[in-house]
């Protein structure tokens, strides 16, 4: 290395151009080292795995190359503009354009539902895929998805298949469970996200020593974010197969968003566009509240609609980005995308997604980074892309036990796999629920409720500390329950708490 620096020193004296040259050579050397390490890793792969890993690494080399080129935030703040009026349409306008035609089954037969199923349930204290957590009447996220699509297929005599994008973390467990749906009227396909190597923050080289995934290699791989859907879907051969079957659009969403059901009005809008003006990408956005300030938003940038994520925002402008007044909407990650357009962009290598650098610390204390992309960031690559400002009810994610309490309660009714706000609730907003750390893990959360409280008239609930709820408790208005360290509060069966603060110690003992 010293020779190499010495050889460059004269050029460095040449000022800016010398420094640029130095950086270029450094980048080239890093890429050469990375390629050598990846070749070494591939030599330890066996059989069919080797071919899949080779394709994964081709994708990784591309993202690594672009990562080395990019310096600082990927947007020039003064160039950001609000999207033009007609680029984000209100849902009611889409809905009022003539209702649902009699031949909607023809449109449904052009649709594929894709669920992002790469995540584990670890943040909720569960082992295995998050999609297998029970959320309502013993139904898991996956059960509800299958029920929804089966209901569509039966009601309209259609053939909408379900595609699951798994990761190496979720694939095996998901495939085992899929056998239980063989008699449902839904064709289910799966494909896998790529497997990329985590890289050492200092050396920028892979941490992995071989292609193994157990022992010391257990945490050296990662699935590279849902932006990987385009390449993985294409590489799997499933994209081609679905196009051959006459499918035209996919509806993509996170499997833990219980509001993301097939919307016939949006589907009808998509398929009824004139050929020359075919919309290739629709992003469902919804109005931002204080709870959503970190969500990605749509902007106009270089004449294109573009997704702006908080990770891309220069530090000086983060507060402005979080403002509810300047950026009024956020991305729900419910997306409608043309299959033929994905094929075209993949074959032309035109899918240029911003890189998200995600720093992590491994159990041994090693600092690593993983390079990721987001599925919505591709909006700028598609023709005639648009946003639709949908009702908040289409964004009902279950990320925490607080969210789980909402969807398990009588605030929602379940019909054919779809959750809708109960008609008995007088106002359409969901209550703000904040459960403390004693409720984080699903198993522990379940032991703290003998039955889920009546929450039809609840506005706000905060619970902290060692608290349990008896049967048939009713919560109304604003309720705050705080058990201090060492204390415990048992809310008695049948209690009605309306605009109450409960603190101290309340034990109810069997006798």
Protein backbone atom coordinates (compact mmCIF):
# COMPACT_ATOMS: atom_id res chain seq x y z
CA UNK A 1 0.00 0.00 0.00
CA UNK A 2 2.88 2.39 0.81
CA UNK A 3 4.26 2.07 -2.74
CA UNK A 4 0.88 2.77 -4.15
CA UNK A 5 0.45 5.94 -2.07
CA UNK A 6 3.97 7.09 -2.92
CA UNK A 7 3.30 6.65 -6.62
CA UNK A 8 0.30 8.91 -6.30
CA UNK A 9 1.88 11.58 -4.13
CA UNK A 10 3.03 13.73 -7.07
CA UNK A 11 -0.47 13.74 -8.46
CA UNK A 12 -1.87 14.64 -5.06
CA UNK A 13 0.27 17.75 -5.15
CA UNK A 14 -1.74 18.67 -8.22
CA UNK A 15 -4.61 19.64 -5.91
CA UNK A 16 -8.24 18.71 -6.48
CA UNK A 17 -7.76 16.60 -9.62
CA UNK A 18 -5.00 14.65 -7.86
CA UNK A 19 -7.29 13.93 -4.92
CA UNK A 20 -10.05 12.81 -7.27
CA UNK A 21 -7.60 10.47 -8.99
CA UNK A 22 -6.44 9.12 -5.61
CA UNK A 23 -10.03 8.41 -4.58
CA UNK A 24 -10.71 6.73 -7.91
CA UNK A 25 -7.75 4.38 -7.49
CA UNK A 26 -8.80 3.65 -3.90
CA UNK A 27 -12.30 2.75 -5.12
CA UNK A 28 -10.90 0.49 -7.81
CA UNK A 29 -8.68 -1.26 -5.25
CA UNK A 30 -11.64 -1.78 -2.89
CA UNK A 31 -13.71 -3.25 -5.73
CA UNK A 32 -10.86 -5.58 -6.73
CA UNK A 33 -10.50 -6.76 -3.12
CA UNK A 34 -14.27 -7.22 -2.80
CA UNK A 35 -14.44 -9.28 -6.02
CA UNK A 36 -11.59 -11.50 -4.81
CA UNK A 37 -13.33 -12.06 -1.44
CA UNK A 38 -16.65 -12.89 -3.13
CA UNK A 39 -14.93 -15.38 -5.47
CA UNK A 40 -13.34 -17.00 -2.43
CA UNK A 41 -16.75 -17.24 -0.69
CA UNK A 42 -18.38 -18.71 -3.82
CA UNK A 43 -15.74 -21.43 -3.97
CA UNK A 44 -17.16 -22.77 -0.67
CA UNK A 45 -20.76 -23.01 -2.00
CA UNK A 46 -22.17 -26.32 -3.19
CA UNK A 47 -24.38 -27.41 -6.08
CA UNK A 48 -27.58 -25.46 -6.74
CA UNK A 49 -26.73 -22.97 -3.98
CA UNK A 50 -23.65 -21.87 -5.92
CA UNK A 51 -25.73 -20.72 -8.91
CA UNK A 52 -28.20 -18.77 -6.72
CA UNK A 53 -25.37 -17.20 -4.70
CA UNK A 54 -23.57 -16.20 -7.91
CA UNK A 55 -26.65 -14.23 -9.04
CA UNK A 56 -27.02 -12.71 -5.56
CA UNK A 57 -23.38 -11.59 -5.61
CA UNK A 58 -23.78 -10.03 -9.07
CA UNK A 59 -26.49 -7.83 -7.55
CA UNK A 60 -24.31 -7.09 -4.53
CA UNK A 61 -21.34 -6.05 -6.71
CA UNK A 62 -23.58 -3.52 -8.49
CA UNK A 63 -24.87 -1.98 -5.26
CA UNK A 64 -21.35 -1.95 -3.75
CA UNK A 65 -19.99 -0.17 -6.85
CA UNK A 66 -22.69 2.51 -6.55
CA UNK A 67 -22.14 2.79 -2.78
CA UNK A 68 -18.48 3.66 -3.42
CA UNK A 69 -19.46 6.38 -5.93
CA UNK A 70 -21.97 8.16 -3.69
CA UNK A 71 -20.78 10.79 -1.24
CA UNK A 72 -23.08 12.43 1.30
CA UNK A 73 -26.88 12.73 1.07
CA UNK A 74 -28.27 11.64 -2.28
CA UNK A 75 -30.51 14.68 -2.75
CA UNK A 76 -29.70 18.31 -3.40
CA UNK A 77 -32.18 20.00 -1.04
CA UNK A 78 -32.85 23.20 -3.05
CA UNK A 79 -33.92 21.04 -6.05
CA UNK A 80 -36.79 19.46 -4.11
CA UNK A 81 -40.25 20.59 -5.20
CA UNK A 82 -43.78 19.67 -4.23
CA UNK A 83 -45.30 17.17 -6.68
CA UNK A 84 -47.61 18.69 -9.33
CA UNK A 85 -51.32 18.68 -8.38
CA UNK A 86 -52.34 15.94 -10.80
CA UNK A 87 -49.49 13.57 -9.85
CA UNK A 88 -51.16 12.64 -6.54
CA UNK A 89 -54.89 12.04 -6.95
CA UNK A 90 -57.40 11.85 -4.10
CA UNK A 91 -58.86 8.36 -3.69
CA UNK A 92 -62.42 9.73 -3.88
CA UNK A 93 -61.69 11.09 -7.36
CA UNK A 94 -60.51 7.64 -8.52
CA UNK A 95 -63.56 6.06 -6.89
CA UNK A 96 -66.04 8.46 -8.50
CA UNK A 97 -64.90 7.73 -12.05
CA UNK A 98 -67.65 5.26 -12.81
CA UNK A 99 -67.66 2.60 -10.12
CA UNK A 100 -66.77 -1.04 -10.67
CA UNK A 101 -67.60 -2.44 -14.12
CA UNK A 102 -69.45 -5.74 -14.63
CA UNK A 103 -66.35 -7.31 -16.16
CA UNK A 104 -64.12 -6.61 -13.14
CA UNK A 105 -63.24 -10.33 -13.11
CA UNK A 106 -61.26 -9.70 -16.35
CA UNK A 107 -59.23 -7.07 -14.50
CA UNK A 108 -58.73 -9.32 -11.46
CA UNK A 109 -57.40 -12.03 -13.77
CA UNK A 110 -54.61 -9.63 -14.75
CA UNK A 111 -53.59 -9.09 -11.11
CA UNK A 112 -51.10 -10.81 -8.81
CA UNK A 113 -50.93 -10.05 -5.07
CA UNK A 114 -47.36 -9.93 -3.73
CA UNK A 115 -46.67 -9.85 0.01
CA UNK A 116 -43.27 -8.91 1.43
CA UNK A 117 -42.62 -11.83 3.78
CA UNK A 118 -38.93 -11.53 4.60
CA UNK A 119 -39.20 -10.34 8.20
CA UNK A 120 -38.91 -12.24 11.47
CA UNK A 121 -41.09 -11.72 14.53
CA UNK A 122 -38.11 -10.99 16.79
CA UNK A 123 -39.14 -7.40 17.61
CA UNK A 124 -42.35 -8.85 19.09
CA UNK A 125 -40.50 -11.61 20.94
CA UNK A 126 -41.48 -14.36 18.49
CA UNK A 127 -39.34 -16.94 16.72
CA UNK A 128 -39.76 -17.57 12.99
CA UNK A 129 -41.52 -15.50 10.29
CA UNK A 130 -43.57 -12.55 11.48
CA UNK A 131 -46.38 -13.59 9.11
CA UNK A 132 -47.06 -16.63 11.31
CA UNK A 133 -47.98 -14.60 14.43
CA UNK A 134 -51.68 -14.88 15.37
CA UNK A 135 -53.37 -11.50 15.13
CA UNK A 136 -57.11 -12.10 15.22
CA UNK A 137 -59.33 -15.09 16.15
CA UNK A 138 -56.31 -17.43 15.94
CA UNK A 139 -55.67 -16.22 12.36
CA UNK A 140 -52.10 -15.29 11.41
CA UNK A 141 -51.13 -12.50 8.97
CA UNK A 142 -50.74 -15.19 6.31
CA UNK A 143 -54.13 -16.78 7.11
CA UNK A 144 -55.86 -13.41 6.72
CA UNK A 145 -54.09 -12.77 3.38
CA UNK A 146 -55.17 -16.16 2.00
CA UNK A 147 -58.75 -15.63 3.22
CA UNK A 148 -58.94 -12.21 1.53
CA UNK A 149 -57.74 -13.46 -1.85
CA UNK A 150 -59.83 -16.62 -1.70
CA UNK A 151 -62.90 -14.45 -1.02
CA UNK A 152 -62.08 -12.31 -4.10
CA UNK A 153 -61.60 -15.38 -6.30
CA UNK A 154 -64.87 -16.97 -5.16
CA UNK A 155 -66.94 -13.76 -5.29
CA UNK A 156 -65.87 -12.79 -8.82
CA UNK A 157 -64.96 -16.24 -10.15
CA UNK A 158 -61.43 -14.95 -10.71
CA UNK A 159 -57.90 -16.31 -10.49
CA UNK A 160 -55.76 -13.93 -8.43
CA UNK A 161 -52.60 -15.74 -7.26
CA UNK A 162 -50.62 -14.92 -4.11
CA UNK A 163 -46.85 -14.53 -4.32
CA UNK A 164 -44.71 -14.40 -1.18
CA UNK A 165 -41.28 -12.80 -1.29
CA UNK A 166 -39.46 -14.74 1.43
CA UNK A 167 -35.94 -14.28 2.75
CA UNK A 168 -33.45 -16.95 3.81
CA UNK A 169 -34.75 -16.23 7.33
CA UNK A 170 -38.38 -17.10 6.56
CA UNK A 171 -38.41 -19.41 3.53
CA UNK A 172 -38.21 -22.82 5.20
CA UNK A 173 -40.81 -22.15 7.92
CA UNK A 174 -43.18 -20.48 5.43
CA UNK A 175 -43.02 -23.36 2.95
CA UNK A 176 -43.89 -25.86 5.70
CA UNK A 177 -47.02 -23.91 6.60
CA UNK A 178 -48.17 -23.41 2.99
CA UNK A 179 -49.29 -27.05 2.82
CA UNK A 180 -52.32 -26.17 4.93
CA UNK A 181 -53.71 -23.96 2.13
CA UNK A 182 -53.74 -26.62 -0.61
CA UNK A 183 -57.54 -26.82 -0.60
CA UNK A 184 -58.07 -23.04 -0.64
CA UNK A 185 -58.98 -21.33 -3.90
CA UNK A 186 -55.68 -19.47 -4.16
CA UNK A 187 -52.57 -20.42 -6.12
CA UNK A 188 -49.54 -19.61 -3.96
CA UNK A 189 -46.02 -19.06 -5.33
CA UNK A 190 -42.85 -18.09 -3.47
CA UNK A 191 -39.47 -16.71 -4.42
CA UNK A 192 -36.52 -15.66 -2.31
CA UNK A 193 -34.91 -12.31 -1.71
CA UNK A 194 -31.16 -12.16 -2.31
CA UNK A 195 -28.66 -13.00 0.39
CA UNK A 196 -25.97 -10.32 0.68
CA UNK A 197 -22.84 -10.29 2.89
CA UNK A 198 -22.61 -7.81 5.75
CA UNK A 199 -19.41 -5.82 5.38
CA UNK A 200 -16.93 -4.67 8.01
CA UNK A 201 -17.38 -0.93 8.56
CA UNK A 202 -13.61 -0.33 8.60
CA UNK A 203 -12.26 -2.63 5.85
CA UNK A 204 -15.47 -2.59 3.72
CA UNK A 205 -14.95 -6.32 3.09
CA UNK A 206 -17.33 -9.22 3.88
CA UNK A 207 -17.33 -10.58 7.42
CA UNK A 208 -18.25 -14.09 6.21
CA UNK A 209 -15.49 -16.68 5.85
CA UNK A 210 -17.55 -19.16 3.82
CA UNK A 211 -21.11 -19.58 2.47
CA UNK A 212 -22.34 -21.34 5.62
CA UNK A 213 -25.21 -19.84 7.60
CA UNK A 214 -24.77 -21.42 11.02
CA UNK A 215 -22.30 -21.10 13.90
CA UNK A 216 -20.01 -18.09 13.53
CA UNK A 217 -21.65 -17.36 10.15
CA UNK A 218 -25.15 -17.02 11.64
CA UNK A 219 -25.28 -13.22 11.52
CA UNK A 220 -22.97 -12.33 8.62
CA UNK A 221 -25.70 -12.35 5.93
CA UNK A 222 -28.74 -10.14 5.43
CA UNK A 223 -31.71 -9.75 3.05
CA UNK A 224 -31.09 -6.39 1.33
CA UNK A 225 -34.39 -4.57 1.90
CA UNK A 226 -37.57 -4.85 -0.16
CA UNK A 227 -36.10 -2.90 -3.09
CA UNK A 228 -34.50 -6.23 -3.98
CA UNK A 229 -37.93 -7.44 -5.17
CA UNK A 230 -37.33 -6.38 -8.77
CA UNK A 231 -34.10 -8.31 -9.35
CA UNK A 232 -35.10 -11.34 -7.25
CA UNK A 233 -38.54 -11.63 -8.87
CA UNK A 234 -36.94 -11.40 -12.33
CA UNK A 235 -34.10 -13.83 -11.52
CA UNK A 236 -36.51 -16.40 -10.08
CA UNK A 237 -38.24 -16.90 -13.44
CA UNK A 238 -41.61 -16.31 -11.77
CA UNK A 239 -42.02 -12.87 -13.37
CA UNK A 240 -41.77 -14.39 -16.87
CA UNK A 241 -44.14 -17.20 -15.91
CA UNK A 242 -46.84 -14.80 -14.67
CA UNK A 243 -46.55 -12.58 -17.76
CA UNK A 244 -46.97 -15.72 -19.90
CA UNK A 245 -50.16 -16.48 -17.93
CA UNK A 246 -51.60 -13.08 -18.93
CA UNK A 247 -50.87 -11.24 -15.68
CA UNK A 248 -50.18 -7.51 -16.04
CA UNK A 249 -49.92 -5.90 -12.60
CA UNK A 250 -48.74 -6.77 -9.11
CA UNK A 251 -50.18 -5.28 -5.93
CA UNK A 252 -47.30 -5.25 -3.44
CA UNK A 253 -47.55 -4.60 0.29
CA UNK A 254 -46.01 -5.53 3.63
CA UNK A 255 -47.62 -8.68 5.02
CA UNK A 256 -48.06 -6.98 8.41
CA UNK A 257 -50.18 -4.15 6.94
CA UNK A 258 -53.70 -5.44 7.60
CA UNK A 259 -55.23 -2.53 5.66
CA UNK A 260 -53.55 -3.53 2.39
CA UNK A 261 -56.38 -5.39 0.65
CA UNK A 262 -57.05 -5.47 -3.12
CA UNK A 263 -58.95 -2.29 -3.99
CA UNK A 264 -61.18 -2.73 -7.02
CA UNK A 265 -61.42 1.01 -7.76
CA UNK A 266 -57.63 1.40 -7.98
CA UNK A 267 -57.37 -1.79 -10.05
CA UNK A 268 -60.07 -0.56 -12.43
CA UNK A 269 -58.28 2.81 -12.78
CA UNK A 270 -55.06 1.00 -13.72
CA UNK A 271 -56.44 -1.32 -16.36
CA UNK A 272 -58.75 1.25 -17.98
CA UNK A 273 -55.95 3.67 -18.96
CA UNK A 274 -55.46 4.19 -22.71
CA UNK A 275 -52.50 2.18 -24.03
CA UNK A 276 -50.19 5.13 -24.76
CA UNK A 277 -50.74 6.56 -21.27
CA UNK A 278 -50.57 3.31 -19.29
CA UNK A 279 -49.67 4.04 -15.68
CA UNK A 280 -46.82 1.69 -14.72
CA UNK A 281 -46.61 2.48 -11.01
CA UNK A 282 -49.06 3.66 -8.36
CA UNK A 283 -47.97 4.43 -4.82
CA UNK A 284 -50.68 4.64 -2.18
CA UNK A 285 -49.94 7.53 0.17
CA UNK A 286 -51.97 8.81 3.08
CA UNK A 287 -52.06 11.95 5.22
CA UNK A 288 -49.24 12.26 7.73
CA UNK A 289 -49.94 12.46 11.46
CA UNK A 290 -47.46 13.10 14.26
CA UNK A 291 -46.92 9.32 14.47
CA UNK A 292 -45.71 9.14 10.85
CA UNK A 293 -43.06 11.87 10.75
CA UNK A 294 -40.31 9.45 9.72
CA UNK A 295 -42.26 7.95 6.80
CA UNK A 296 -40.99 8.46 3.24
CA UNK A 297 -42.77 11.14 1.19
CA UNK A 298 -43.28 11.94 -2.50
CA UNK A 299 -41.47 14.88 -4.06
CA UNK A 300 -40.83 16.26 -7.56
CA UNK A 301 -37.11 16.05 -8.36
CA UNK A 302 -35.41 16.50 -11.74
CA UNK A 303 -38.84 16.47 -13.38
CA UNK A 304 -39.77 13.06 -11.93
CA UNK A 305 -41.92 11.87 -9.04
CA UNK A 306 -39.54 10.51 -6.43
CA UNK A 307 -39.68 8.90 -2.99
CA UNK A 308 -37.71 10.79 -0.35
CA UNK A 309 -36.72 8.72 2.70
CA UNK A 310 -35.45 10.20 5.96
CA UNK A 311 -32.06 8.47 5.46
CA UNK A 312 -31.50 10.58 2.31
CA UNK A 313 -32.18 13.92 4.00
CA UNK A 314 -29.20 16.16 4.90
CA UNK A 315 -28.99 16.53 8.70
CA UNK A 316 -29.74 20.25 8.56
CA UNK A 317 -33.13 19.54 6.95
CA UNK A 318 -34.38 16.56 9.02
CA UNK A 319 -36.78 18.72 11.08
CA UNK A 320 -38.17 20.23 7.89
CA UNK A 321 -38.66 16.71 6.48
CA UNK A 322 -40.61 15.70 9.60
CA UNK A 323 -42.89 18.73 9.31
CA UNK A 324 -46.54 17.80 8.80
CA UNK A 325 -47.17 21.13 7.06
CA UNK A 326 -44.51 20.95 4.32
CA UNK A 327 -44.65 17.20 3.60
CA UNK A 328 -48.27 16.29 4.18
CA UNK A 329 -48.32 12.68 2.99
CA UNK A 330 -46.26 9.51 3.46
CA UNK A 331 -45.77 6.23 1.61
CA UNK A 332 -47.90 3.30 2.88
CA UNK A 333 -45.79 0.85 0.84
CA UNK A 334 -48.95 -0.35 -0.93
CA UNK A 335 -47.79 -0.33 -4.56
CA UNK A 336 -49.34 -1.28 -7.90
CA UNK A 337 -46.68 -2.04 -10.52
CA UNK A 338 -46.66 -3.17 -14.15
CA UNK A 339 -45.03 -6.57 -14.66
CA UNK A 340 -43.91 -5.83 -18.22
CA UNK A 341 -42.32 -2.57 -17.02
CA UNK A 342 -40.33 -4.43 -14.32
CA UNK A 343 -39.12 -6.86 -17.01
CA UNK A 344 -38.10 -3.99 -19.32
CA UNK A 345 -36.24 -2.06 -16.60
CA UNK A 346 -34.42 -5.17 -15.36
CA UNK A 347 -33.33 -6.14 -18.89
CA UNK A 348 -32.15 -2.61 -19.64
CA UNK A 349 -30.41 -2.36 -16.26
CA UNK A 350 -32.32 0.89 -15.64
CA UNK A 351 -33.45 0.25 -12.06
CA UNK A 352 -31.44 2.91 -10.24
CA UNK A 353 -32.50 2.83 -6.58
CA UNK A 354 -31.00 5.02 -3.87
CA UNK A 355 -28.85 3.06 -1.44
CA UNK A 356 -29.76 2.98 2.25
CA UNK A 357 -26.68 2.38 4.42
CA UNK A 358 -27.83 0.53 7.53
CA UNK A 359 -25.19 0.32 10.31
CA UNK A 360 -25.40 -2.66 12.70
CA UNK A 361 -23.34 -4.01 15.60
CA UNK A 362 -22.94 -7.79 15.72
CA UNK A 363 -23.13 -9.69 19.03
CA UNK A 364 -19.33 -9.75 19.34
CA UNK A 365 -19.24 -5.94 19.08
CA UNK A 366 -18.09 -5.77 15.44
CA UNK A 367 -19.47 -2.76 13.53
CA UNK A 368 -20.82 -3.70 10.13
CA UNK A 369 -22.90 -2.04 7.43
CA UNK A 370 -25.54 -3.48 5.17
CA UNK A 371 -26.50 -1.88 1.87
CA UNK A 372 -30.23 -1.87 1.22
CA UNK A 373 -32.81 -0.42 -1.16
CA UNK A 374 -36.54 0.35 -0.84
CA UNK A 375 -39.20 -0.95 -3.25
CA UNK A 376 -40.94 2.46 -3.49
CA UNK A 377 -37.74 4.24 -4.55
CA UNK A 378 -38.21 2.77 -8.05
CA UNK A 379 -41.17 5.10 -8.69
CA UNK A 380 -38.85 7.48 -10.59
CA UNK A 381 -37.92 4.72 -13.09
CA UNK A 382 -41.47 3.97 -14.30
CA UNK A 383 -43.56 5.81 -16.91
CA UNK A 384 -46.68 7.79 -15.93
CA UNK A 385 -46.15 7.00 -12.24
CA UNK A 386 -48.61 8.56 -9.80
CA UNK A 387 -49.64 8.63 -6.16
CA UNK A 388 -53.15 8.06 -4.82
CA UNK A 389 -54.02 9.64 -1.47
CA UNK A 390 -55.96 6.80 0.16
CA UNK A 391 -57.92 6.69 3.44
CA UNK A 392 -55.90 5.94 6.55
CA UNK A 393 -57.77 2.62 6.86
CA UNK A 394 -55.51 1.20 4.09
CA UNK A 395 -52.53 1.62 6.42
CA UNK A 396 -52.94 -0.65 9.46
CA UNK A 397 -49.48 -2.04 10.22
CA UNK A 398 -48.87 -4.31 13.21
CA UNK A 399 -45.31 -3.57 14.31
CA UNK A 400 -45.74 -3.75 18.10
CA UNK A 401 -47.99 -5.27 20.76
CA UNK A 402 -49.69 -1.85 21.01
CA UNK A 403 -50.79 -2.26 17.36
CA UNK A 404 -51.79 -5.85 18.11
CA UNK A 405 -54.11 -4.71 20.92
CA UNK A 406 -55.91 -2.38 18.49
CA UNK A 407 -56.52 -5.06 15.84
CA UNK A 408 -57.56 -7.70 18.39
CA UNK A 409 -60.13 -5.37 19.98
CA UNK A 410 -63.76 -4.61 19.16
CA UNK A 411 -62.60 -1.48 17.29
CA UNK A 412 -62.39 -3.75 14.25
CA UNK A 413 -64.64 -6.38 12.78
CA UNK A 414 -63.31 -9.24 10.67
CA UNK A 415 -65.02 -10.27 7.46
CA UNK A 416 -63.50 -12.67 4.90
CA UNK A 417 -59.98 -11.91 6.15
CA UNK A 418 -60.42 -8.11 6.01
CA UNK A 419 -60.47 -5.87 9.07
CA UNK A 420 -62.75 -2.83 9.01
CA UNK A 421 -63.38 -0.21 11.66
CA UNK A 422 -66.49 -1.09 13.68
CA UNK A 423 -69.59 0.92 12.78
CA UNK A 424 -70.16 1.33 16.52
CA UNK A 425 -67.13 3.61 16.79
CA UNK A 426 -68.41 7.16 16.45
CA UNK A 427 -65.23 8.70 15.00
CA UNK A 428 -63.00 7.18 12.33
CA UNK A 429 -59.60 7.74 13.97
CA UNK A 430 -57.82 4.93 15.82
CA UNK A 431 -56.93 5.50 19.48
CA UNK A 432 -53.31 6.17 20.40
CA UNK A 433 -52.10 3.12 22.38
CA UNK A 434 -48.73 2.92 24.12
CA UNK A 435 -47.98 -0.27 26.06
CA UNK A 436 -44.81 -0.45 28.16
CA UNK A 437 -41.90 -2.89 27.98
CA UNK A 438 -43.74 -5.57 30.03
CA UNK A 439 -46.01 -6.02 26.99
CA UNK A 440 -43.32 -6.12 24.24
CA UNK A 441 -43.25 -9.89 23.76
CA UNK A 442 -46.48 -11.33 22.37
CA UNK A 443 -46.55 -14.28 24.82
CA UNK A 444 -46.19 -11.96 27.83
CA UNK A 445 -48.69 -9.49 26.37
CA UNK A 446 -51.30 -12.27 26.03
CA UNK A 447 -50.93 -13.34 29.67
CA UNK A 448 -51.69 -9.78 30.83
CA UNK A 449 -55.21 -9.71 29.33
CA UNK A 450 -57.83 -12.19 30.52
CA UNK A 451 -59.86 -10.77 27.66
CA UNK A 452 -59.24 -7.83 25.31
CA UNK A 453 -60.88 -4.67 26.77
CA UNK A 454 -63.79 -2.84 25.13
CA UNK A 455 -62.08 0.09 23.37
CA UNK A 456 -64.89 1.53 21.22
CA UNK A 457 -64.81 4.87 23.04
CA UNK A 458 -61.08 5.03 23.76
CA UNK A 459 -58.95 8.00 22.62
CA UNK A 460 -55.63 7.35 24.33
CA UNK A 461 -54.17 4.52 26.42
CA UNK A 462 -50.78 4.48 28.13
CA UNK A 463 -49.77 1.48 30.25
CA UNK A 464 -46.43 1.21 32.04
CA UNK A 465 -45.05 -1.37 34.45
CA UNK A 466 -46.51 -4.60 35.83
CA UNK A 467 -50.19 -4.28 34.89
CA UNK A 468 -52.83 -6.95 34.18
CA UNK A 469 -56.42 -6.67 32.94
CA UNK A 470 -59.36 -8.80 34.16
CA UNK A 471 -62.23 -9.91 31.94
CA UNK A 472 -64.63 -7.44 30.30
CA UNK A 473 -62.78 -4.24 31.19
CA UNK A 474 -63.99 -1.12 29.37
CA UNK A 475 -61.63 1.76 28.51
CA UNK A 476 -62.98 5.18 27.46
CA UNK A 477 -61.51 8.61 26.75
CA UNK A 478 -57.93 8.94 28.03
CA UNK A 479 -56.68 6.20 30.36
CA UNK A 480 -53.19 6.15 31.89
CA UNK A 481 -52.12 3.23 34.09
CA UNK A 482 -48.69 3.36 35.70
CA UNK A 483 -47.32 0.75 38.09
CA UNK A 484 -44.03 1.95 39.54
CA UNK A 485 -41.06 -0.36 39.89
CA UNK A 486 -41.87 -3.11 42.41
CA UNK A 487 -45.61 -2.36 42.33
CA UNK A 488 -48.30 -4.24 40.44
CA UNK A 489 -51.73 -3.13 39.27
CA UNK A 490 -54.50 -5.66 38.50
CA UNK A 491 -57.45 -3.96 36.82
CA UNK A 492 -60.50 -5.83 38.22
CA UNK A 493 -62.86 -7.71 35.92
CA UNK A 494 -65.78 -5.59 34.71
CA UNK A 495 -64.05 -2.26 35.49
CA UNK A 496 -65.02 0.81 33.46
CA UNK A 497 -62.18 3.33 33.29
CA UNK A 498 -63.12 6.64 31.70
CA UNK A 499 -60.63 9.56 31.68
CA UNK A 500 -58.71 8.01 34.59
CA UNK A 501 -55.13 7.93 35.78
CA UNK A 502 -54.37 4.79 37.81
CA UNK A 503 -51.10 4.55 39.71
CA UNK A 504 -49.66 2.90 42.80
CA UNK A 505 -50.32 -0.69 43.76
CA UNK A 506 -53.52 -2.76 43.32
CA UNK A 507 -53.35 -6.54 43.78
CA UNK A 508 -56.27 -8.88 43.35
CA UNK A 509 -55.54 -12.31 44.81
CA UNK A 510 -57.54 -15.51 44.38
CA UNK A 511 -58.68 -16.92 47.68
